[in-house]
Amino acid sequence: MDNSTLRLKCKTLMAQNGYFERGAKKRLAKELNINRNSLCMALSGYRKGKASLNVLSKIVERFEDAQRA
């Protein structure tokens, strides 16, 4: 999956699960055990490397696992 498609999927999943209020990215970064700045850069599209794809993949996995449970 390319970066822009994955970013859109992440933002959609975040919105569906109530992660767009103030402090949501900080909370999500803590839950995923990743740097908050890396999370924000990956979601904004500022960084498009392999590390950002890994961050976005973690977000998708987290929310898809929550939906299955």
N, C-alpha and C. Protein backbone atom coordinates (compact mmCIF):
# COMPACT_ATOMS: atom_id res chain seq x y z
N MET A 1 0.85 -1.17 0.00
CA MET A 1 0.00 0.00 0.00
C MET A 1 0.90 1.24 0.00
N ASP A 2 0.58 2.22 -0.81
CA ASP A 2 1.43 3.41 -0.86
C ASP A 2 1.13 4.34 0.32
N ASN A 3 2.02 5.30 0.50
CA ASN A 3 1.98 6.17 1.66
C ASN A 3 0.69 6.98 1.77
N SER A 4 0.25 7.58 0.68
CA SER A 4 -0.94 8.44 0.74
C SER A 4 -2.21 7.64 1.04
N THR A 5 -2.32 6.46 0.49
CA THR A 5 -3.48 5.60 0.77
C THR A 5 -3.48 5.15 2.22
N LEU A 6 -2.32 4.80 2.72
CA LEU A 6 -2.19 4.37 4.11
C LEU A 6 -2.48 5.52 5.07
N ARG A 7 -2.01 6.72 4.74
CA ARG A 7 -2.31 7.91 5.57
C ARG A 7 -3.81 8.15 5.65
N LEU A 8 -4.49 8.06 4.53
CA LEU A 8 -5.94 8.28 4.50
C LEU A 8 -6.65 7.22 5.34
N LYS A 9 -6.21 5.98 5.22
CA LYS A 9 -6.82 4.90 6.01
C LYS A 9 -6.61 5.13 7.50
N CYS A 10 -5.41 5.56 7.88
CA CYS A 10 -5.12 5.84 9.29
C CYS A 10 -6.01 6.96 9.83
N LYS A 11 -6.13 8.03 9.07
CA LYS A 11 -6.95 9.16 9.52
C LYS A 11 -8.41 8.76 9.63
N THR A 12 -8.88 7.94 8.72
CA THR A 12 -10.27 7.46 8.77
C THR A 12 -10.49 6.61 10.01
N LEU A 13 -9.57 5.68 10.28
CA LEU A 13 -9.68 4.82 11.45
C LEU A 13 -9.60 5.64 12.74
N MET A 14 -8.73 6.65 12.76
CA MET A 14 -8.62 7.50 13.94
C MET A 14 -9.93 8.25 14.19
N ALA A 15 -10.53 8.76 13.13
CA ALA A 15 -11.79 9.49 13.28
C ALA A 15 -12.91 8.58 13.75
N GLN A 16 -12.96 7.38 13.23
CA GLN A 16 -14.00 6.43 13.61
C GLN A 16 -13.87 5.99 15.07
N ASN A 17 -12.66 6.06 15.60
CA ASN A 17 -12.42 5.61 16.97
C ASN A 17 -12.23 6.76 17.96
N GLY A 18 -12.56 7.98 17.55
CA GLY A 18 -12.52 9.12 18.46
C GLY A 18 -11.14 9.64 18.78
N TYR A 19 -10.21 9.53 17.86
CA TYR A 19 -8.85 10.00 18.08
C TYR A 19 -8.55 11.32 17.36
N PHE A 20 -9.51 12.24 17.33
CA PHE A 20 -9.24 13.55 16.74
C PHE A 20 -9.45 14.69 17.72
N GLU A 21 -9.66 14.38 19.00
CA GLU A 21 -9.76 15.45 19.98
C GLU A 21 -8.35 15.87 20.42
N ARG A 22 -8.30 16.92 21.17
CA ARG A 22 -7.01 17.44 21.63
C ARG A 22 -6.28 16.38 22.47
N GLY A 23 -5.02 16.16 22.16
CA GLY A 23 -4.20 15.20 22.89
C GLY A 23 -4.29 13.77 22.40
N ALA A 24 -5.06 13.55 21.35
CA ALA A 24 -5.26 12.18 20.86
C ALA A 24 -3.98 11.59 20.26
N LYS A 25 -3.23 12.40 19.53
CA LYS A 25 -2.00 11.89 18.92
C LYS A 25 -0.97 11.55 19.99
N LYS A 26 -0.93 12.35 21.04
CA LYS A 26 -0.02 12.08 22.15
C LYS A 26 -0.38 10.75 22.82
N ARG A 27 -1.67 10.54 23.03
CA ARG A 27 -2.15 9.30 23.65
C ARG A 27 -1.87 8.09 22.75
N LEU A 28 -2.12 8.26 21.44
CA LEU A 28 -1.89 7.17 20.49
C LEU A 28 -0.41 6.83 20.42
N ALA A 29 0.45 7.84 20.39
CA ALA A 29 1.90 7.59 20.35
C ALA A 29 2.35 6.82 21.59
N LYS A 30 1.78 7.15 22.74
CA LYS A 30 2.14 6.45 23.97
C LYS A 30 1.65 5.00 23.92
N GLU A 31 0.44 4.77 23.39
CA GLU A 31 -0.09 3.42 23.29
C GLU A 31 0.74 2.55 22.35
N LEU A 32 1.23 3.15 21.27
CA LEU A 32 2.01 2.41 20.28
C LEU A 32 3.50 2.38 20.60
N ASN A 33 3.90 3.13 21.64
CA ASN A 33 5.29 3.20 22.05
C ASN A 33 6.18 3.73 20.93
N ILE A 34 5.74 4.83 20.32
CA ILE A 34 6.53 5.49 19.27
C ILE A 34 6.64 6.98 19.60
N ASN A 35 7.57 7.65 18.96
CA ASN A 35 7.77 9.07 19.17
C ASN A 35 6.59 9.85 18.59
N ARG A 36 6.09 10.81 19.37
CA ARG A 36 4.93 11.59 18.92
C ARG A 36 5.25 12.41 17.67
N ASN A 37 6.46 12.96 17.58
CA ASN A 37 6.83 13.74 16.40
C ASN A 37 6.87 12.85 15.15
N SER A 38 7.36 11.64 15.30
CA SER A 38 7.38 10.70 14.17
C SER A 38 5.96 10.38 13.72
N LEU A 39 5.08 10.20 14.69
CA LEU A 39 3.66 9.94 14.38
C LEU A 39 3.06 11.09 13.60
N CYS A 40 3.27 12.30 14.08
CA CYS A 40 2.69 13.48 13.42
C CYS A 40 3.26 13.68 12.01
N MET A 41 4.56 13.46 11.85
CA MET A 41 5.16 13.62 10.52
C MET A 41 4.65 12.56 9.55
N ALA A 42 4.45 11.35 10.03
CA ALA A 42 3.93 10.28 9.18
C ALA A 42 2.48 10.58 8.77
N LEU A 43 1.68 11.06 9.71
CA LEU A 43 0.27 11.35 9.41
C LEU A 43 0.11 12.56 8.49
N SER A 44 1.03 13.51 8.59
CA SER A 44 0.93 14.71 7.75
C SER A 44 1.49 14.48 6.35
N GLY A 45 2.31 13.45 6.19
CA GLY A 45 2.94 13.21 4.89
C GLY A 45 4.26 13.92 4.74
N TYR A 46 4.72 14.57 5.81
CA TYR A 46 5.99 15.27 5.77
C TYR A 46 7.15 14.31 5.54
N ARG A 47 7.07 13.16 6.14
CA ARG A 47 8.06 12.10 5.93
C ARG A 47 7.37 10.96 5.18
N LYS A 48 8.08 10.39 4.20
CA LYS A 48 7.47 9.34 3.38
C LYS A 48 8.37 8.11 3.27
N GLY A 49 9.27 7.95 4.21
CA GLY A 49 10.21 6.83 4.15
C GLY A 49 9.66 5.56 4.76
N LYS A 50 10.54 4.59 4.85
CA LYS A 50 10.18 3.28 5.38
C LYS A 50 9.72 3.37 6.83
N ALA A 51 10.38 4.22 7.62
CA ALA A 51 10.01 4.37 9.03
C ALA A 51 8.58 4.91 9.16
N SER A 52 8.22 5.84 8.31
CA SER A 52 6.86 6.39 8.35
C SER A 52 5.83 5.34 7.94
N LEU A 53 6.17 4.52 6.98
CA LEU A 53 5.27 3.44 6.60
C LEU A 53 5.08 2.46 7.75
N ASN A 54 6.15 2.21 8.52
CA ASN A 54 6.03 1.34 9.68
C ASN A 54 5.11 1.94 10.74
N VAL A 55 5.23 3.25 10.95
CA VAL A 55 4.36 3.94 11.92
C VAL A 55 2.91 3.84 11.48
N LEU A 56 2.65 4.13 10.21
CA LEU A 56 1.28 4.07 9.70
C LEU A 56 0.72 2.65 9.77
N SER A 57 1.57 1.67 9.51
CA SER A 57 1.13 0.27 9.60
C SER A 57 0.76 -0.10 11.03
N LYS A 58 1.52 0.40 11.99
CA LYS A 58 1.20 0.15 13.40
C LYS A 58 -0.16 0.72 13.77
N ILE A 59 -0.46 1.91 13.25
CA ILE A 59 -1.75 2.54 13.54
C ILE A 59 -2.89 1.69 12.98
N VAL A 60 -2.74 1.25 11.73
CA VAL A 60 -3.78 0.43 11.11
C VAL A 60 -3.97 -0.87 11.88
N GLU A 61 -2.87 -1.52 12.25
CA GLU A 61 -2.96 -2.77 13.01
C GLU A 61 -3.66 -2.56 14.34
N ARG A 62 -3.34 -1.47 15.03
CA ARG A 62 -3.92 -1.20 16.33
C ARG A 62 -5.44 -1.06 16.25
N PHE A 63 -5.92 -0.30 15.28
CA PHE A 63 -7.36 -0.08 15.17
C PHE A 63 -8.10 -1.27 14.57
N GLU A 64 -7.47 -1.98 13.66
CA GLU A 64 -8.12 -3.17 13.11
C GLU A 64 -8.21 -4.28 14.15
N ASP A 65 -7.19 -4.40 15.01
CA ASP A 65 -7.25 -5.37 16.10
C ASP A 65 -8.35 -5.00 17.09
N ALA A 66 -8.51 -3.71 17.35
CA ALA A 66 -9.55 -3.26 18.28
C ALA A 66 -10.94 -3.53 17.72
N GLN A 67 -11.10 -3.42 16.40
CA GLN A 67 -12.40 -3.66 15.79
C GLN A 67 -12.76 -5.15 15.80
N ARG A 68 -11.74 -6.01 15.70
CA ARG A 68 -11.98 -7.45 15.72
C ARG A 68 -12.38 -7.95 17.12
N ALA A 69 -11.86 -7.27 18.13
CA ALA A 69 -12.11 -7.71 19.51
C ALA A 69 -13.50 -7.37 20.00
